[in-house]
Amino acid sequence: MKLLAVAVAGRGLVDPHAPVFGADDEALLRGRAVFETARVYGGRPFRLDAHIERLGRSSARVRLPDPDADDCVRLADGVVKASGLDDLALRFFWTGTTLVATAAAIDPVLEEQRARGLRLAVVRWSTGVLAAAKSTSYAENMAAQDAAAERGADDALLVAHDGTVLEAPTANVWFREGSLLLTPALTLPILAGVTRAVVAELAPAAGYEPEEGVFPIERLLAADEVFLTSSIREVMPVAEVDATAFELGPAAEALQRALRSGT
């Protein structure tokens, strides 16, 4: 993604290529920081309040003070207006001492992937205590994506060593059995996605019943349809998990359309 605008609390807009974190910041020294990602449609951040609330929850998990919600709103407004685009990826970074917001262009490859569906590779996964937080300590998640890419996949599907389906490194996972939409429960060590919650709200009107649970990988592989949800990817269909192929089904298309209509 091309970075278009950056703002720092207490400083306002800064050069997008200038450093914003000190060399003594624990974000660099210890990886102790949190972030949040939201989609911007028509110049308006989608579900901004929910994203700011989750930034606070992530902060609490890593024992950081709460970020100032009003500062988040001001910074978001500043970078969105400065970016020159209406559709963006908005990010916050909070280190406990420094709050930063960035605005970036949406990668056009996402629509190419939506048209053909993602290829996922199963990666066995041992989760840590920060699994439910958007911590900047994402090295393990990125390593899982790299492992999947080495196998010719677009992304990883994280599966616990007992075979329980968890999530993707940067997205929640859903699968369909008839009119039933299944997604791993938040009692598992996964992130509570904002888009995941929106899809659960939209599903009944689209003719689907959402259900959380603990599901083995074998059940997902036997599903009628699989898709991921995240703020930037929105509702992204899956065409393949390892050697199992899936048709791009009606639920992902209907929910993507409903998501866009609600923005």
C-alpha atoms as a PDB file:
ATOM      1  CA  MET A   1       0.000   0.000   0.000  1.00  0.00           C
ATOM      2  CA  LYS A   2       1.243   3.472  -0.863  1.00  0.00           C
ATOM      3  CA  LEU A   3       1.429   5.710   2.219  1.00  0.00           C
ATOM      4  CA  LEU A   4      -0.296   9.027   1.503  1.00  0.00           C
ATOM      5  CA  ALA A   5      -0.556  10.883   4.829  1.00  0.00           C
ATOM      6  CA  VAL A   6       0.742  10.590   8.403  1.00  0.00           C
ATOM      7  CA  ALA A   7      -0.274  12.491  11.531  1.00  0.00           C
ATOM      8  CA  VAL A   8       1.096  12.355  15.082  1.00  0.00           C
ATOM      9  CA  ALA A   9      -0.797  13.399  18.220  1.00  0.00           C
ATOM     10  CA  GLY A  10       0.555  16.719  19.438  1.00  0.00           C
ATOM     11  CA  ARG A  11       2.292  17.413  16.117  1.00  0.00           C
ATOM     12  CA  GLY A  12      -0.347  17.124  13.438  1.00  0.00           C
ATOM     13  CA  LEU A  13       0.470  16.151   9.861  1.00  0.00           C
ATOM     14  CA  VAL A  14       4.074  15.203   9.174  1.00  0.00           C
ATOM     15  CA  ASP A  15       6.068  14.132   6.147  1.00  0.00           C
ATOM     16  CA  PRO A  16       4.917  10.559   5.360  1.00  0.00           C
ATOM     17  CA  HIS A  17       8.551   9.533   4.963  1.00  0.00           C
ATOM     18  CA  ALA A  18       9.827  11.138   8.162  1.00  0.00           C
ATOM     19  CA  PRO A  19      10.470   9.063  11.319  1.00  0.00           C
ATOM     20  CA  VAL A  20       7.754   9.360  13.971  1.00  0.00           C
ATOM     21  CA  PHE A  21       8.955   6.964  16.716  1.00  0.00           C
ATOM     22  CA  GLY A  22      11.962   7.593  18.933  1.00  0.00           C
ATOM     23  CA  ALA A  23      14.802   5.089  19.048  1.00  0.00           C
ATOM     24  CA  ASP A  24      14.064   4.593  22.750  1.00  0.00           C
ATOM     25  CA  ASP A  25      10.370   3.835  22.216  1.00  0.00           C
ATOM     26  CA  GLU A  26       9.351   0.430  23.561  1.00  0.00           C
ATOM     27  CA  ALA A  27       7.607  -0.203  20.249  1.00  0.00           C
ATOM     28  CA  LEU A  28      11.099  -0.621  18.813  1.00  0.00           C
ATOM     29  CA  LEU A  29      12.947  -1.880  21.862  1.00  0.00           C
ATOM     30  CA  ARG A  30      10.420  -4.501  22.994  1.00  0.00           C
ATOM     31  CA  GLY A  31       7.781  -4.720  20.262  1.00  0.00           C
ATOM     32  CA  ARG A  32       5.341  -3.383  22.849  1.00  0.00           C
ATOM     33  CA  ALA A  33       2.783  -1.443  20.870  1.00  0.00           C
ATOM     34  CA  VAL A  34      -0.646  -1.925  19.326  1.00  0.00           C
ATOM     35  CA  PHE A  35      -2.267  -0.943  16.062  1.00  0.00           C
ATOM     36  CA  GLU A  36      -5.655  -0.806  14.423  1.00  0.00           C
ATOM     37  CA  THR A  37      -6.765  -0.898  10.783  1.00  0.00           C
ATOM     38  CA  ALA A  38     -10.005   0.482   9.343  1.00  0.00           C
ATOM     39  CA  ARG A  39     -11.382   0.939   5.850  1.00  0.00           C
ATOM     40  CA  VAL A  40     -12.394   4.396   4.627  1.00  0.00           C
ATOM     41  CA  TYR A  41     -15.288   4.673   2.162  1.00  0.00           C
ATOM     42  CA  GLY A  42     -16.210   7.954   0.523  1.00  0.00           C
ATOM     43  CA  GLY A  43     -13.938   9.838   2.917  1.00  0.00           C
ATOM     44  CA  ARG A  44     -15.590   8.324   6.035  1.00  0.00           C
ATOM     45  CA  PRO A  45     -13.888   5.712   8.234  1.00  0.00           C
ATOM     46  CA  PHE A  46     -16.133   2.664   8.591  1.00  0.00           C
ATOM     47  CA  ARG A  47     -17.090   1.738  12.169  1.00  0.00           C
ATOM     48  CA  LEU A  48     -14.448   4.099  13.556  1.00  0.00           C
ATOM     49  CA  ASP A  49     -15.824   3.908  17.111  1.00  0.00           C
ATOM     50  CA  ALA A  50     -15.529   0.112  17.107  1.00  0.00           C
ATOM     51  CA  HIS A  51     -11.952   0.287  15.888  1.00  0.00           C
ATOM     52  CA  ILE A  52     -10.970   2.845  18.519  1.00  0.00           C
ATOM     53  CA  GLU A  53     -12.605   0.703  21.210  1.00  0.00           C
ATOM     54  CA  ARG A  54     -10.638  -2.330  20.046  1.00  0.00           C
ATOM     55  CA  LEU A  55      -7.425  -0.276  20.070  1.00  0.00           C
ATOM     56  CA  GLY A  56      -8.140   0.364  23.747  1.00  0.00           C
ATOM     57  CA  ARG A  57      -8.757  -3.338  24.430  1.00  0.00           C
ATOM     58  CA  SER A  58      -5.510  -4.267  22.707  1.00  0.00           C
ATOM     59  CA  SER A  59      -3.710  -1.645  24.790  1.00  0.00           C
ATOM     60  CA  ALA A  60      -5.054  -3.158  27.988  1.00  0.00           C
ATOM     61  CA  ARG A  61      -3.842  -6.629  26.937  1.00  0.00           C
ATOM     62  CA  VAL A  62      -0.250  -5.433  26.588  1.00  0.00           C
ATOM     63  CA  ARG A  63      -0.514  -3.214  29.706  1.00  0.00           C
ATOM     64  CA  LEU A  64      -0.406   0.106  27.869  1.00  0.00           C
ATOM     65  CA  PRO A  65      -2.510   3.108  28.911  1.00  0.00           C
ATOM     66  CA  ASP A  66      -5.607   3.789  26.843  1.00  0.00           C
ATOM     67  CA  PRO A  67      -5.095   5.968  23.768  1.00  0.00           C
ATOM     68  CA  ASP A  68      -7.100   9.181  23.710  1.00  0.00           C
ATOM     69  CA  ALA A  69     -10.216   8.502  21.634  1.00  0.00           C
ATOM     70  CA  ASP A  70     -10.654  12.166  20.678  1.00  0.00           C
ATOM     71  CA  ASP A  71      -7.062  12.289  19.440  1.00  0.00           C
ATOM     72  CA  CYS A  72      -7.768   9.210  17.322  1.00  0.00           C
ATOM     73  CA  VAL A  73     -10.765  10.901  15.710  1.00  0.00           C
ATOM     74  CA  ARG A  74      -8.809  14.106  15.031  1.00  0.00           C
ATOM     75  CA  LEU A  75      -5.842  12.258  13.554  1.00  0.00           C
ATOM     76  CA  ALA A  76      -8.108  10.120  11.381  1.00  0.00           C
ATOM     77  CA  ASP A  77      -9.875  13.189  10.043  1.00  0.00           C
ATOM     78  CA  GLY A  78      -6.536  14.855   9.312  1.00  0.00           C
ATOM     79  CA  VAL A  79      -4.943  12.027   7.357  1.00  0.00           C
ATOM     80  CA  VAL A  80      -8.109  11.210   5.420  1.00  0.00           C
ATOM     81  CA  LYS A  81      -8.475  14.820   4.261  1.00  0.00           C
ATOM     82  CA  ALA A  82      -4.763  15.131   3.491  1.00  0.00           C
ATOM     83  CA  SER A  83      -4.624  11.916   1.480  1.00  0.00           C
ATOM     84  CA  GLY A  84      -6.524  13.246  -1.524  1.00  0.00           C
ATOM     85  CA  LEU A  85      -8.469   9.979  -1.900  1.00  0.00           C
ATOM     86  CA  ASP A  86     -11.896   8.870  -0.695  1.00  0.00           C
ATOM     87  CA  ASP A  87     -11.237   5.111  -0.355  1.00  0.00           C
ATOM     88  CA  LEU A  88      -8.336   4.306   1.947  1.00  0.00           C
ATOM     89  CA  ALA A  89      -6.732   2.071   4.495  1.00  0.00           C
ATOM     90  CA  LEU A  90      -6.597   3.946   7.812  1.00  0.00           C
ATOM     91  CA  ARG A  91      -4.210   2.768  10.536  1.00  0.00           C
ATOM     92  CA  PHE A  92      -3.483   3.802  14.112  1.00  0.00           C
ATOM     93  CA  PHE A  93      -0.295   2.948  15.994  1.00  0.00           C
ATOM     94  CA  TRP A  94      -0.082   3.423  19.767  1.00  0.00           C
ATOM     95  CA  THR A  95       3.078   2.848  21.785  1.00  0.00           C
ATOM     96  CA  GLY A  96       1.886   4.187  25.112  1.00  0.00           C
ATOM     97  CA  THR A  97       3.620   7.505  24.465  1.00  0.00           C
ATOM     98  CA  THR A  98       3.137   8.131  20.746  1.00  0.00           C
ATOM     99  CA  LEU A  99      -0.123   7.954  18.782  1.00  0.00           C
ATOM    100  CA  VAL A 100       0.153   7.919  14.995  1.00  0.00           C
ATOM    101  CA  ALA A 101      -2.427   7.687  12.224  1.00  0.00           C
ATOM    102  CA  THR A 102      -1.676   6.854   8.589  1.00  0.00           C
ATOM    103  CA  ALA A 103      -3.706   6.779   5.395  1.00  0.00           C
ATOM    104  CA  ALA A 104      -2.743   4.593   2.447  1.00  0.00           C
ATOM    105  CA  ALA A 105      -4.182   3.692  -0.923  1.00  0.00           C
ATOM    106  CA  ILE A 106      -6.047   0.394  -1.277  1.00  0.00           C
ATOM    107  CA  ASP A 107      -4.045  -2.214  -3.156  1.00  0.00           C
ATOM    108  CA  PRO A 108      -5.831  -2.911  -6.491  1.00  0.00           C
ATOM    109  CA  VAL A 109      -4.735  -6.561  -6.324  1.00  0.00           C
ATOM    110  CA  LEU A 110      -7.529  -7.144  -3.782  1.00  0.00           C
ATOM    111  CA  GLU A 111     -10.198  -6.986  -6.473  1.00  0.00           C
ATOM    112  CA  GLU A 112      -8.224  -9.400  -8.646  1.00  0.00           C
ATOM    113  CA  GLN A 113      -8.097 -11.818  -5.705  1.00  0.00           C
ATOM    114  CA  ARG A 114     -11.826 -11.366  -5.062  1.00  0.00           C
ATOM    115  CA  ALA A 115     -12.569 -12.308  -8.660  1.00  0.00           C
ATOM    116  CA  ARG A 116     -10.555 -15.549  -8.575  1.00  0.00           C
ATOM    117  CA  GLY A 117     -10.699 -16.432  -4.860  1.00  0.00           C
ATOM    118  CA  LEU A 118      -7.798 -16.885  -2.466  1.00  0.00           C
ATOM    119  CA  ARG A 119      -5.567 -19.932  -2.257  1.00  0.00           C
ATOM    120  CA  LEU A 120      -4.910 -20.833   1.399  1.00  0.00           C
ATOM    121  CA  ALA A 121      -2.340 -23.197   2.879  1.00  0.00           C
ATOM    122  CA  VAL A 122      -2.904 -24.780   6.286  1.00  0.00           C
ATOM    123  CA  VAL A 123      -0.231 -23.759   8.787  1.00  0.00           C
ATOM    124  CA  ARG A 124      -0.177 -25.472  12.170  1.00  0.00           C
ATOM    125  CA  TRP A 125      -0.234 -22.849  14.881  1.00  0.00           C
ATOM    126  CA  SER A 126       0.598 -22.441  18.551  1.00  0.00           C
ATOM    127  CA  THR A 127      -0.970 -19.248  19.835  1.00  0.00           C
ATOM    128  CA  GLY A 128       0.443 -16.881  22.438  1.00  0.00           C
ATOM    129  CA  VAL A 129      -1.205 -14.701  25.047  1.00  0.00           C
ATOM    130  CA  LEU A 130      -1.456 -11.783  22.594  1.00  0.00           C
ATOM    131  CA  ALA A 131      -3.526 -13.683  20.029  1.00  0.00           C
ATOM    132  CA  ALA A 132      -6.644 -11.612  20.784  1.00  0.00           C
ATOM    133  CA  ALA A 133      -4.774  -8.283  20.630  1.00  0.00           C
ATOM    134  CA  LYS A 134      -3.669  -6.307  17.579  1.00  0.00           C
ATOM    135  CA  SER A 135      -0.127  -6.084  18.825  1.00  0.00           C
ATOM    136  CA  THR A 136       2.683  -4.931  16.548  1.00  0.00           C
ATOM    137  CA  SER A 137       4.437  -8.185  17.523  1.00  0.00           C
ATOM    138  CA  TYR A 138       3.174  -9.755  14.282  1.00  0.00           C
ATOM    139  CA  ALA A 139       6.378 -11.531  13.279  1.00  0.00           C
ATOM    140  CA  GLU A 140       4.826 -14.982  13.803  1.00  0.00           C
ATOM    141  CA  ASN A 141       1.807 -14.049  11.678  1.00  0.00           C
ATOM    142  CA  MET A 142       4.024 -12.793   8.863  1.00  0.00           C
ATOM    143  CA  ALA A 143       6.163 -15.926   9.073  1.00  0.00           C
ATOM    144  CA  ALA A 144       2.980 -17.988   8.612  1.00  0.00           C
ATOM    145  CA  GLN A 145       2.108 -15.959   5.502  1.00  0.00           C
ATOM    146  CA  ASP A 146       5.629 -16.497   4.168  1.00  0.00           C
ATOM    147  CA  ALA A 147       5.344 -20.244   4.775  1.00  0.00           C
ATOM    148  CA  ALA A 148       2.064 -20.281   2.851  1.00  0.00           C
ATOM    149  CA  ALA A 149       3.566 -18.266  -0.010  1.00  0.00           C
ATOM    150  CA  GLU A 150       6.423 -20.763  -0.292  1.00  0.00           C
ATOM    151  CA  ARG A 151       3.749 -23.386  -0.994  1.00  0.00           C
ATOM    152  CA  GLY A 152       2.174 -21.269  -3.740  1.00  0.00           C
ATOM    153  CA  ALA A 153      -0.696 -19.913  -1.630  1.00  0.00           C
ATOM    154  CA  ASP A 154      -1.954 -16.355  -1.163  1.00  0.00           C
ATOM    155  CA  ASP A 155      -2.305 -16.661   2.607  1.00  0.00           C
ATOM    156  CA  ALA A 156      -2.228 -19.056   5.539  1.00  0.00           C
ATOM    157  CA  LEU A 157      -5.096 -20.730   7.360  1.00  0.00           C
ATOM    158  CA  LEU A 158      -3.986 -21.081  10.972  1.00  0.00           C
ATOM    159  CA  VAL A 159      -4.994 -24.391  12.518  1.00  0.00           C
ATOM    160  CA  ALA A 160      -4.192 -25.487  16.076  1.00  0.00           C
ATOM    161  CA  HIS A 161      -2.139 -28.645  16.558  1.00  0.00           C
ATOM    162  CA  ASP A 162      -5.294 -30.506  17.620  1.00  0.00           C
ATOM    163  CA  GLY A 163      -6.872 -29.649  14.247  1.00  0.00           C
ATOM    164  CA  THR A 164      -9.088 -26.766  15.429  1.00  0.00           C
ATOM    165  CA  VAL A 165      -9.605 -24.028  12.843  1.00  0.00           C
ATOM    166  CA  LEU A 166      -8.518 -20.613  14.161  1.00  0.00           C
ATOM    167  CA  GLU A 167      -8.124 -17.741  11.688  1.00  0.00           C
ATOM    168  CA  ALA A 168      -5.863 -16.314   8.983  1.00  0.00           C
ATOM    169  CA  PRO A 169      -2.866 -14.182  10.012  1.00  0.00           C
ATOM    170  CA  THR A 170      -4.753 -10.938   9.340  1.00  0.00           C
ATOM    171  CA  ALA A 171      -8.373 -12.054   8.868  1.00  0.00           C
ATOM    172  CA  ASN A 172     -11.182 -14.116  10.345  1.00  0.00           C
ATOM    173  CA  VAL A 173     -12.383 -17.237   8.564  1.00  0.00           C
ATOM    174  CA  TRP A 174     -15.939 -18.398   7.775  1.00  0.00           C
ATOM    175  CA  PHE A 175     -17.351 -21.455   6.045  1.00  0.00           C
ATOM    176  CA  ARG A 176     -20.832 -22.298   4.819  1.00  0.00           C
ATOM    177  CA  GLU A 177     -22.911 -25.456   5.205  1.00  0.00           C
ATOM    178  CA  GLY A 178     -26.151 -24.832   3.338  1.00  0.00           C
ATOM    179  CA  SER A 179     -27.623 -21.707   4.940  1.00  0.00           C
ATOM    180  CA  LEU A 180     -25.427 -22.006   8.049  1.00  0.00           C
ATOM    181  CA  LEU A 181     -22.390 -19.717   8.299  1.00  0.00           C
ATOM    182  CA  LEU A 182     -19.785 -21.028  10.739  1.00  0.00           C
ATOM    183  CA  THR A 183     -16.890 -19.112  12.255  1.00  0.00           C
ATOM    184  CA  PRO A 184     -14.496 -19.914  15.112  1.00  0.00           C
ATOM    185  CA  ALA A 185     -15.710 -18.703  18.509  1.00  0.00           C
ATOM    186  CA  LEU A 186     -14.072 -15.801  20.317  1.00  0.00           C
ATOM    187  CA  THR A 187     -13.371 -18.128  23.235  1.00  0.00           C
ATOM    188  CA  LEU A 188     -10.549 -19.428  21.027  1.00  0.00           C
ATOM    189  CA  PRO A 189      -7.278 -17.466  20.812  1.00  0.00           C
ATOM    190  CA  ILE A 190      -8.320 -15.353  17.820  1.00  0.00           C
ATOM    191  CA  LEU A 191      -8.932 -11.692  17.106  1.00  0.00           C
ATOM    192  CA  ALA A 192     -12.447 -10.258  17.436  1.00  0.00           C
ATOM    193  CA  GLY A 193     -12.664  -8.775  13.953  1.00  0.00           C
ATOM    194  CA  VAL A 194     -14.794  -5.679  13.420  1.00  0.00           C
ATOM    195  CA  THR A 195     -15.770  -6.903   9.953  1.00  0.00           C
ATOM    196  CA  ARG A 196     -16.483 -10.329  11.449  1.00  0.00           C
ATOM    197  CA  ALA A 197     -19.052  -8.670  13.736  1.00  0.00           C
ATOM    198  CA  VAL A 198     -20.562  -6.726  10.831  1.00  0.00           C
ATOM    199  CA  VAL A 199     -20.933  -9.887   8.731  1.00  0.00           C
ATOM    200  CA  ALA A 200     -22.664 -11.629  11.636  1.00  0.00           C
ATOM    201  CA  GLU A 201     -25.125  -8.706  11.745  1.00  0.00           C
ATOM    202  CA  LEU A 202     -25.740  -8.773   7.981  1.00  0.00           C
ATOM    203  CA  ALA A 203     -26.025 -12.542   7.541  1.00  0.00           C
ATOM    204  CA  PRO A 204     -29.696 -13.070   8.585  1.00  0.00           C
ATOM    205  CA  ALA A 205     -31.002 -10.488   6.112  1.00  0.00           C
ATOM    206  CA  ALA A 206     -28.991 -12.243   3.389  1.00  0.00           C
ATOM    207  CA  GLY A 207     -30.631 -15.570   4.268  1.00  0.00           C
ATOM    208  CA  TYR A 208     -27.862 -17.093   6.362  1.00  0.00           C
ATOM    209  CA  GLU A 209     -27.620 -18.089  10.008  1.00  0.00           C
ATOM    210  CA  PRO A 210     -24.281 -17.262  11.678  1.00  0.00           C
ATOM    211  CA  GLU A 211     -22.957 -19.658  14.303  1.00  0.00           C
ATOM    212  CA  GLU A 212     -19.785 -19.572  16.380  1.00  0.00           C
ATOM    213  CA  GLY A 213     -18.089 -22.738  17.555  1.00  0.00           C
ATOM    214  CA  VAL A 214     -15.014 -24.931  17.751  1.00  0.00           C
ATOM    215  CA  PHE A 215     -14.596 -26.685  14.426  1.00  0.00           C
ATOM    216  CA  PRO A 216     -12.086 -29.242  13.131  1.00  0.00           C
ATOM    217  CA  ILE A 217     -10.295 -28.567   9.864  1.00  0.00           C
ATOM    218  CA  GLU A 218     -12.024 -31.596   8.325  1.00  0.00           C
ATOM    219  CA  ARG A 219     -15.395 -29.875   8.697  1.00  0.00           C
ATOM    220  CA  LEU A 220     -14.171 -26.740   6.939  1.00  0.00           C
ATOM    221  CA  LEU A 221     -12.690 -28.812   4.110  1.00  0.00           C
ATOM    222  CA  ALA A 222     -16.104 -30.429   3.563  1.00  0.00           C
ATOM    223  CA  ALA A 223     -17.930 -27.067   3.454  1.00  0.00           C
ATOM    224  CA  ASP A 224     -19.918 -25.628   0.555  1.00  0.00           C
ATOM    225  CA  GLU A 225     -18.030 -22.326   0.640  1.00  0.00           C
ATOM    226  CA  VAL A 226     -15.173 -20.643   2.512  1.00  0.00           C
ATOM    227  CA  PHE A 227     -14.317 -16.955   2.860  1.00  0.00           C
ATOM    228  CA  LEU A 228     -12.259 -14.544   4.957  1.00  0.00           C
ATOM    229  CA  THR A 229     -13.309 -11.220   6.481  1.00  0.00           C
ATOM    230  CA  SER A 230     -11.171  -8.242   7.417  1.00  0.00           C
ATOM    231  CA  SER A 231     -11.378  -4.465   7.281  1.00  0.00           C
ATOM    232  CA  ILE A 232      -9.215  -4.066   4.192  1.00  0.00           C
ATOM    233  CA  ARG A 233     -10.070  -7.283   2.333  1.00  0.00           C
ATOM    234  CA  GLU A 234     -13.757  -6.997   3.323  1.00  0.00           C
ATOM    235  CA  VAL A 235     -15.459 -10.313   2.376  1.00  0.00           C
ATOM    236  CA  MET A 236     -12.898 -12.329   0.413  1.00  0.00           C
ATOM    237  CA  PRO A 237     -13.854 -15.682  -1.148  1.00  0.00           C
ATOM    238  CA  VAL A 238     -11.545 -18.689  -0.907  1.00  0.00           C
ATOM    239  CA  ALA A 239     -11.033 -20.934  -3.927  1.00  0.00           C
ATOM    240  CA  GLU A 240      -8.656 -23.476  -2.409  1.00  0.00           C
ATOM    241  CA  VAL A 241      -7.392 -24.763   0.940  1.00  0.00           C
ATOM    242  CA  ASP A 242      -4.371 -26.970   0.362  1.00  0.00           C
ATOM    243  CA  ALA A 243      -5.559 -29.518  -2.224  1.00  0.00           C
ATOM    244  CA  THR A 244      -9.290 -28.928  -1.636  1.00  0.00           C
ATOM    245  CA  ALA A 245     -11.004 -26.666  -4.171  1.00  0.00           C
ATOM    246  CA  PHE A 246     -14.113 -24.562  -3.482  1.00  0.00           C
ATOM    247  CA  GLU A 247     -16.482 -22.802  -5.828  1.00  0.00           C
ATOM    248  CA  LEU A 248     -16.883 -19.090  -5.208  1.00  0.00           C
ATOM    249  CA  GLY A 249     -20.228 -19.303  -3.475  1.00  0.00           C
ATOM    250  CA  PRO A 250     -23.239 -17.017  -3.064  1.00  0.00           C
ATOM    251  CA  ALA A 251     -22.707 -16.065   0.589  1.00  0.00           C
ATOM    252  CA  ALA A 252     -19.434 -14.205   0.082  1.00  0.00           C
ATOM    253  CA  GLU A 253     -20.867 -12.311  -2.866  1.00  0.00           C
ATOM    254  CA  ALA A 254     -24.093 -11.403  -1.042  1.00  0.00           C
ATOM    255  CA  LEU A 255     -22.314 -10.335   2.129  1.00  0.00           C
ATOM    256  CA  GLN A 256     -19.732  -8.279   0.237  1.00  0.00           C
ATOM    257  CA  ARG A 257     -22.571  -6.488  -1.514  1.00  0.00           C
ATOM    258  CA  ALA A 258     -24.402  -5.932   1.786  1.00  0.00           C
ATOM    259  CA  LEU A 259     -21.230  -4.675   3.448  1.00  0.00           C
ATOM    260  CA  ARG A 260     -20.613  -2.149   0.699  1.00  0.00           C
ATOM    261  CA  SER A 261     -24.224  -0.985   0.722  1.00  0.00           C
ATOM    262  CA  GLY A 262     -23.927  -0.232   4.437  1.00  0.00           C
ATOM    263  CA  THR A 263     -20.913   2.011   4.068  1.00  0.00           C
END
